[in-house]
PDB file of all heavy atoms in Angstrom:
ATOM      1  N   GLY A   1     -44.453  25.754 -15.913  1.00  0.00           N
ATOM      2  CA  GLY A   1     -44.435  24.356 -15.480  1.00  0.00           C
ATOM      3  C   GLY A   1     -43.090  23.843 -15.183  1.00  0.00           C
ATOM      4  O   GLY A   1     -42.097  24.623 -15.229  1.00  0.00           O
ATOM      5  N   HIS A   2     -42.951  22.540 -14.807  1.00  0.00           N
ATOM      6  CA  HIS A   2     -41.739  21.944 -14.429  1.00  0.00           C
ATOM      7  C   HIS A   2     -41.584  20.646 -15.173  1.00  0.00           C
ATOM      8  O   HIS A   2     -42.426  19.698 -15.141  1.00  0.00           O
ATOM      9  CB  HIS A   2     -41.821  21.655 -12.953  1.00  0.00           C
ATOM     10  CG  HIS A   2     -40.611  21.022 -12.257  1.00  0.00           C
ATOM     11  ND1 HIS A   2     -40.599  20.248 -11.201  1.00  0.00           N
ATOM     12  CD2 HIS A   2     -39.207  21.054 -12.750  1.00  0.00           C
ATOM     13  CE1 HIS A   2     -39.359  19.774 -10.813  1.00  0.00           C
ATOM     14  NE2 HIS A   2     -38.537  20.220 -11.847  1.00  0.00           N
ATOM     15  N   GLY A   3     -40.488  20.560 -15.982  1.00  0.00           N
ATOM     16  CA  GLY A   3     -40.307  19.355 -16.808  1.00  0.00           C
ATOM     17  C   GLY A   3     -38.916  18.837 -16.857  1.00  0.00           C
ATOM     18  O   GLY A   3     -37.886  19.403 -16.388  1.00  0.00           O
ATOM     19  N   LEU A   4     -38.725  17.684 -17.454  1.00  0.00           N
ATOM     20  CA  LEU A   4     -37.514  17.010 -17.720  1.00  0.00           C
ATOM     21  C   LEU A   4     -37.368  16.676 -19.198  1.00  0.00           C
ATOM     22  O   LEU A   4     -38.323  15.995 -19.742  1.00  0.00           O
ATOM     23  CB  LEU A   4     -37.469  15.738 -16.900  1.00  0.00           C
ATOM     24  CG  LEU A   4     -36.100  14.919 -17.181  1.00  0.00           C
ATOM     25  CD1 LEU A   4     -34.903  15.586 -16.613  1.00  0.00           C
ATOM     26  CD2 LEU A   4     -36.212  13.488 -16.493  1.00  0.00           C
ATOM     27  N   ILE A   5     -36.356  17.174 -19.874  1.00  0.00           N
ATOM     28  CA  ILE A   5     -36.042  16.818 -21.245  1.00  0.00           C
ATOM     29  C   ILE A   5     -34.927  15.874 -21.275  1.00  0.00           C
ATOM     30  O   ILE A   5     -33.831  16.063 -20.659  1.00  0.00           O
ATOM     31  CB  ILE A   5     -35.640  18.024 -22.045  1.00  0.00           C
ATOM     32  CG1 ILE A   5     -36.908  19.013 -21.989  1.00  0.00           C
ATOM     33  CG2 ILE A   5     -35.300  17.698 -23.465  1.00  0.00           C
ATOM     34  CD1 ILE A   5     -36.684  20.410 -22.654  1.00  0.00           C
ATOM     35  N   GLN A   6     -35.035  14.761 -21.988  1.00  0.00           N
ATOM     36  CA  GLN A   6     -34.049  13.685 -22.095  1.00  0.00           C
ATOM     37  C   GLN A   6     -33.603  13.408 -23.496  1.00  0.00           C
ATOM     38  O   GLN A   6     -34.455  13.436 -24.380  1.00  0.00           O
ATOM     39  CB  GLN A   6     -34.541  12.353 -21.487  1.00  0.00           C
ATOM     40  CG  GLN A   6     -34.867  12.452 -20.001  1.00  0.00           C
ATOM     41  CD  GLN A   6     -35.373  11.107 -19.527  1.00  0.00           C
ATOM     42  OE1 GLN A   6     -36.316  10.439 -20.069  1.00  0.00           O
ATOM     43  NE2 GLN A   6     -34.764  10.608 -18.439  1.00  0.00           N
ATOM     44  N   LEU A   7     -32.258  13.248 -23.712  1.00  0.00           N
ATOM     45  CA  LEU A   7     -31.762  12.991 -25.052  1.00  0.00           C
ATOM     46  C   LEU A   7     -30.818  11.730 -24.960  1.00  0.00           C
ATOM     47  O   LEU A   7     -30.148  11.564 -23.911  1.00  0.00           O
ATOM     48  CB  LEU A   7     -30.954  14.161 -25.708  1.00  0.00           C
ATOM     49  CG  LEU A   7     -31.743  15.369 -26.008  1.00  0.00           C
ATOM     50  CD1 LEU A   7     -31.897  16.333 -24.905  1.00  0.00           C
ATOM     51  CD2 LEU A   7     -31.061  16.094 -27.167  1.00  0.00           C
ATOM     52  N   ARG A   8     -30.842  10.867 -25.941  1.00  0.00           N
ATOM     53  CA  ARG A   8     -29.898   9.779 -25.996  1.00  0.00           C
ATOM     54  C   ARG A   8     -29.452   9.561 -27.441  1.00  0.00           C
ATOM     55  O   ARG A   8     -30.280   9.508 -28.299  1.00  0.00           O
ATOM     56  CB  ARG A   8     -30.502   8.532 -25.468  1.00  0.00           C
ATOM     57  CG  ARG A   8     -29.507   7.272 -25.620  1.00  0.00           C
ATOM     58  CD  ARG A   8     -30.205   6.016 -25.040  1.00  0.00           C
ATOM     59  NE  ARG A   8     -31.506   5.684 -25.678  1.00  0.00           N
ATOM     60  CZ  ARG A   8     -31.619   5.091 -26.900  1.00  0.00           C
ATOM     61  NH1 ARG A   8     -30.437   4.852 -27.639  1.00  0.00           N
ATOM     62  NH2 ARG A   8     -32.686   4.845 -27.406  1.00  0.00           N
ATOM     63  N   LYS A   9     -28.157   9.591 -27.720  1.00  0.00           N
ATOM     64  CA  LYS A   9     -27.595   9.418 -29.007  1.00  0.00           C
ATOM     65  C   LYS A   9     -28.014   7.918 -29.540  1.00  0.00           C
ATOM     66  O   LYS A   9     -27.774   7.036 -28.775  1.00  0.00           O
ATOM     67  CB  LYS A   9     -26.081   9.585 -28.974  1.00  0.00           C
ATOM     68  CG  LYS A   9     -25.414   9.516 -30.409  1.00  0.00           C
ATOM     69  CD  LYS A   9     -23.937   9.919 -30.279  1.00  0.00           C
ATOM     70  CE  LYS A   9     -23.333   9.916 -31.658  1.00  0.00           C
ATOM     71  NZ  LYS A   9     -21.896  10.225 -31.558  1.00  0.00           N
ATOM     72  N   GLU A  10     -28.449   7.824 -30.700  1.00  0.00           N
ATOM     73  CA  GLU A  10     -28.790   6.564 -31.264  1.00  0.00           C
ATOM     74  C   GLU A  10     -27.628   5.626 -31.262  1.00  0.00           C
ATOM     75  O   GLU A  10     -26.460   5.949 -31.671  1.00  0.00           O
ATOM     76  CB  GLU A  10     -29.330   6.731 -32.602  1.00  0.00           C
ATOM     77  CG  GLU A  10     -30.755   7.157 -32.829  1.00  0.00           C
ATOM     78  CD  GLU A  10     -31.647   6.186 -32.155  1.00  0.00           C
ATOM     79  OE1 GLU A  10     -31.816   5.074 -32.602  1.00  0.00           O
ATOM     80  OE2 GLU A  10     -32.361   6.661 -31.159  1.00  0.00           O
ATOM     81  N   GLY A  11     -27.819   4.481 -30.712  1.00  0.00           N
ATOM     82  CA  GLY A  11     -26.682   3.422 -30.617  1.00  0.00           C
ATOM     83  C   GLY A  11     -25.947   3.549 -29.301  1.00  0.00           C
ATOM     84  O   GLY A  11     -24.964   2.807 -29.139  1.00  0.00           O
ATOM     85  N   ALA A  12     -26.216   4.580 -28.481  1.00  0.00           N
ATOM     86  CA  ALA A  12     -25.522   4.815 -27.272  1.00  0.00           C
ATOM     87  C   ALA A  12     -26.400   4.556 -26.086  1.00  0.00           C
ATOM     88  O   ALA A  12     -27.637   4.461 -26.149  1.00  0.00           O
ATOM     89  CB  ALA A  12     -24.815   6.155 -27.232  1.00  0.00           C
ATOM     90  N   ASP A  13     -25.872   4.494 -24.860  1.00  0.00           N
ATOM     91  CA  ASP A  13     -26.644   4.312 -23.586  1.00  0.00           C
ATOM     92  C   ASP A  13     -26.739   5.476 -22.774  1.00  0.00           C
ATOM     93  O   ASP A  13     -27.652   5.593 -21.986  1.00  0.00           O
ATOM     94  CB  ASP A  13     -25.934   3.140 -22.787  1.00  0.00           C
ATOM     95  CG  ASP A  13     -26.023   1.823 -23.576  1.00  0.00           C
ATOM     96  OD1 ASP A  13     -26.999   1.503 -24.251  1.00  0.00           O
ATOM     97  OD2 ASP A  13     -25.008   1.019 -23.349  1.00  0.00           O
ATOM     98  N   GLU A  14     -25.781   6.400 -22.918  1.00  0.00           N
ATOM     99  CA  GLU A  14     -25.790   7.561 -21.927  1.00  0.00           C
ATOM    100  C   GLU A  14     -27.034   8.419 -22.332  1.00  0.00           C
ATOM    101  O   GLU A  14     -27.361   8.717 -23.421  1.00  0.00           O
ATOM    102  CB  GLU A  14     -24.568   8.508 -22.189  1.00  0.00           C
ATOM    103  CG  GLU A  14     -24.460   9.744 -21.312  1.00  0.00           C
ATOM    104  CD  GLU A  14     -23.352  10.626 -21.655  1.00  0.00           C
ATOM    105  OE1 GLU A  14     -22.657  10.387 -22.679  1.00  0.00           O
ATOM    106  OE2 GLU A  14     -23.090  11.445 -20.903  1.00  0.00           O
ATOM    107  N   ILE A  15     -27.669   8.815 -21.175  1.00  0.00           N
ATOM    108  CA  ILE A  15     -28.786   9.665 -21.290  1.00  0.00           C
ATOM    109  C   ILE A  15     -28.521  11.096 -20.747  1.00  0.00           C
ATOM    110  O   ILE A  15     -27.979  11.234 -19.636  1.00  0.00           O
ATOM    111  CB  ILE A  15     -30.085   9.151 -20.452  1.00  0.00           C
ATOM    112  CG1 ILE A  15     -30.531   7.779 -21.144  1.00  0.00           C
ATOM    113  CG2 ILE A  15     -31.316  10.110 -20.537  1.00  0.00           C
ATOM    114  CD1 ILE A  15     -31.574   7.024 -20.377  1.00  0.00           C
ATOM    115  N   LEU A  16     -28.813  12.080 -21.584  1.00  0.00           N
ATOM    116  CA  LEU A  16     -28.585  13.517 -21.123  1.00  0.00           C
ATOM    117  C   LEU A  16     -29.876  14.027 -20.476  1.00  0.00           C
ATOM    118  O   LEU A  16     -30.995  14.046 -21.172  1.00  0.00           O
ATOM    119  CB  LEU A  16     -28.228  14.430 -22.319  1.00  0.00           C
ATOM    120  CG  LEU A  16     -27.195  13.833 -23.231  1.00  0.00           C
ATOM    121  CD1 LEU A  16     -26.830  14.782 -24.373  1.00  0.00           C
ATOM    122  CD2 LEU A  16     -25.808  13.614 -22.450  1.00  0.00           C
ATOM    123  N   ASN A  17     -29.860  14.466 -19.321  1.00  0.00           N
ATOM    124  CA  ASN A  17     -31.081  14.991 -18.536  1.00  0.00           C
ATOM    125  C   ASN A  17     -31.038  16.422 -18.311  1.00  0.00           C
ATOM    126  O   ASN A  17     -29.945  17.002 -17.747  1.00  0.00           O
ATOM    127  CB  ASN A  17     -31.096  14.191 -17.233  1.00  0.00           C
ATOM    128  CG  ASN A  17     -31.425  12.748 -17.397  1.00  0.00           C
ATOM    129  OD1 ASN A  17     -32.508  12.301 -17.843  1.00  0.00           O
ATOM    130  ND2 ASN A  17     -30.415  11.896 -16.976  1.00  0.00           N
ATOM    131  N   TYR A  18     -32.003  17.122 -18.729  1.00  0.00           N
ATOM    132  CA  TYR A  18     -32.147  18.641 -18.486  1.00  0.00           C
ATOM    133  C   TYR A  18     -33.410  18.850 -17.754  1.00  0.00           C
ATOM    134  O   TYR A  18     -34.511  18.792 -18.401  1.00  0.00           O
ATOM    135  CB  TYR A  18     -32.071  19.355 -19.812  1.00  0.00           C
ATOM    136  CG  TYR A  18     -30.813  19.033 -20.595  1.00  0.00           C
ATOM    137  CD1 TYR A  18     -30.795  18.050 -21.657  1.00  0.00           C
ATOM    138  CD2 TYR A  18     -29.554  19.757 -20.381  1.00  0.00           C
ATOM    139  CE1 TYR A  18     -29.608  17.805 -22.365  1.00  0.00           C
ATOM    140  CE2 TYR A  18     -28.445  19.516 -21.098  1.00  0.00           C
ATOM    141  CZ  TYR A  18     -28.455  18.587 -22.098  1.00  0.00           C
ATOM    142  OH  TYR A  18     -27.349  18.262 -22.796  1.00  0.00           O
ATOM    143  N   GLU A  19     -33.281  19.291 -16.482  1.00  0.00           N
ATOM    144  CA  GLU A  19     -34.505  19.615 -15.824  1.00  0.00           C
ATOM    145  C   GLU A  19     -34.749  21.148 -15.956  1.00  0.00           C
ATOM    146  O   GLU A  19     -33.862  21.922 -15.779  1.00  0.00           O
ATOM    147  CB  GLU A  19     -34.302  19.284 -14.275  1.00  0.00           C
ATOM    148  CG  GLU A  19     -35.618  19.436 -13.540  1.00  0.00           C
ATOM    149  CD  GLU A  19     -35.481  18.870 -12.056  1.00  0.00           C
ATOM    150  OE1 GLU A  19     -34.463  18.135 -11.823  1.00  0.00           O
ATOM    151  OE2 GLU A  19     -36.334  19.157 -11.197  1.00  0.00           O
ATOM    152  N   VAL A  20     -35.975  21.472 -16.381  1.00  0.00           N
ATOM    153  CA  VAL A  20     -36.272  22.863 -16.815  1.00  0.00           C
ATOM    154  C   VAL A  20     -37.554  23.336 -16.215  1.00  0.00           C
ATOM    155  O   VAL A  20     -38.441  22.473 -15.793  1.00  0.00           O
ATOM    156  CB  VAL A  20     -36.348  23.018 -18.326  1.00  0.00           C
ATOM    157  CG1 VAL A  20     -34.954  22.884 -18.961  1.00  0.00           C
ATOM    158  CG2 VAL A  20     -37.331  21.979 -19.014  1.00  0.00           C
ATOM    159  N   SER A  21     -37.737  24.609 -16.135  1.00  0.00           N
ATOM    160  CA  SER A  21     -38.963  25.145 -15.577  1.00  0.00           C
ATOM    161  C   SER A  21     -39.274  26.558 -16.176  1.00  0.00           C
ATOM    162  O   SER A  21     -38.321  27.204 -16.651  1.00  0.00           O
ATOM    163  CB  SER A  21     -39.085  25.148 -14.087  1.00  0.00           C
ATOM    164  OG  SER A  21     -38.324  26.226 -13.597  1.00  0.00           O
ATOM    165  N   GLY A  22     -40.527  26.975 -16.033  1.00  0.00           N
ATOM    166  CA  GLY A  22     -40.860  28.378 -16.381  1.00  0.00           C
ATOM    167  C   GLY A  22     -40.320  29.412 -15.536  1.00  0.00           C
ATOM    168  O   GLY A  22     -40.309  30.555 -15.852  1.00  0.00           O
ATOM    169  N   ASP A  23     -39.678  28.992 -14.413  1.00  0.00           N
ATOM    170  CA  ASP A  23     -39.088  29.986 -13.470  1.00  0.00           C
ATOM    171  C   ASP A  23     -37.743  30.459 -14.026  1.00  0.00           C
ATOM    172  O   ASP A  23     -37.264  31.493 -13.567  1.00  0.00           O
ATOM    173  CB  ASP A  23     -38.843  29.368 -12.116  1.00  0.00           C
ATOM    174  CG  ASP A  23     -40.235  28.999 -11.398  1.00  0.00           C
ATOM    175  OD1 ASP A  23     -41.249  29.724 -11.732  1.00  0.00           O
ATOM    176  OD2 ASP A  23     -40.254  28.129 -10.593  1.00  0.00           O
ATOM    177  N   LYS A  24     -37.063  29.716 -14.879  1.00  0.00           N
ATOM    178  CA  LYS A  24     -35.869  30.032 -15.528  1.00  0.00           C
ATOM    179  C   LYS A  24     -35.896  29.591 -16.933  1.00  0.00           C
ATOM    180  O   LYS A  24     -35.792  28.424 -17.288  1.00  0.00           O
ATOM    181  CB  LYS A  24     -34.691  29.396 -14.821  1.00  0.00           C
ATOM    182  CG  LYS A  24     -33.301  29.782 -15.414  1.00  0.00           C
ATOM    183  CD  LYS A  24     -32.202  29.127 -14.610  1.00  0.00           C
ATOM    184  CE  LYS A  24     -30.869  29.552 -15.241  1.00  0.00           C
ATOM    185  NZ  LYS A  24     -29.639  28.921 -14.662  1.00  0.00           N
ATOM    186  N   ILE A  25     -36.131  30.667 -17.873  1.00  0.00           N
ATOM    187  CA  ILE A  25     -36.332  30.272 -19.263  1.00  0.00           C
ATOM    188  C   ILE A  25     -35.027  29.823 -19.928  1.00  0.00           C
ATOM    189  O   ILE A  25     -34.017  30.532 -19.949  1.00  0.00           O
ATOM    190  CB  ILE A  25     -36.879  31.447 -20.025  1.00  0.00           C
ATOM    191  CG1 ILE A  25     -38.180  31.944 -19.395  1.00  0.00           C
ATOM    192  CG2 ILE A  25     -37.112  31.057 -21.517  1.00  0.00           C
ATOM    193  CD1 ILE A  25     -39.359  30.968 -19.315  1.00  0.00           C
ATOM    194  N   GLN A  26     -34.920  28.590 -20.377  1.00  0.00           N
ATOM    195  CA  GLN A  26     -33.790  28.045 -21.056  1.00  0.00           C
ATOM    196  C   GLN A  26     -34.222  27.241 -22.328  1.00  0.00           C
ATOM    197  O   GLN A  26     -35.400  26.989 -22.490  1.00  0.00           O
ATOM    198  CB  GLN A  26     -33.102  26.954 -20.126  1.00  0.00           C
ATOM    199  CG  GLN A  26     -32.579  27.620 -18.884  1.00  0.00           C
ATOM    200  CD  GLN A  26     -31.914  26.486 -18.048  1.00  0.00           C
ATOM    201  OE1 GLN A  26     -32.647  25.667 -17.402  1.00  0.00           O
ATOM    202  NE2 GLN A  26     -30.576  26.537 -17.786  1.00  0.00           N
TER     203      GLN A  26
END
């Protein structure tokens, strides 16, 4: 599949975005 994983440090505003898919295992 094709997905987006997002992380944000508690108390912060910056969002880390990681677009991932089964075509490239990460």
